[in-house]
Amino acid sequence: MHDLGTMTIDGKTYNIVNAEKVGKSVLHILDEELPLEKEAYINKSVVCTIDKERRSQLRAHHSGTHVVFASC
């Protein structure tokens, strides 16, 4: 499971619908394609938010999984 949230670039907000770790990087999959070529986004400021309720649920489930495995 992964976090969800938003990413705002140049005043346009996109929903983050998936996140995947690839090596040392995390790819954020957005709900729509970015309008410019990827090079246009180098050094741009980005504001990200996270769905705090989902993050809290994921954290609790993750910790609970460790407890169940330890008891096995």
Foldseek 3Di string as FASTA:
>chain_A
DDWWWWKAFPNDIWTFPDWDDDPPDIDTDTPDDDPDDPVVCPPTDMDIDTPVVVVVVVVVVVVVVVVVVVVD
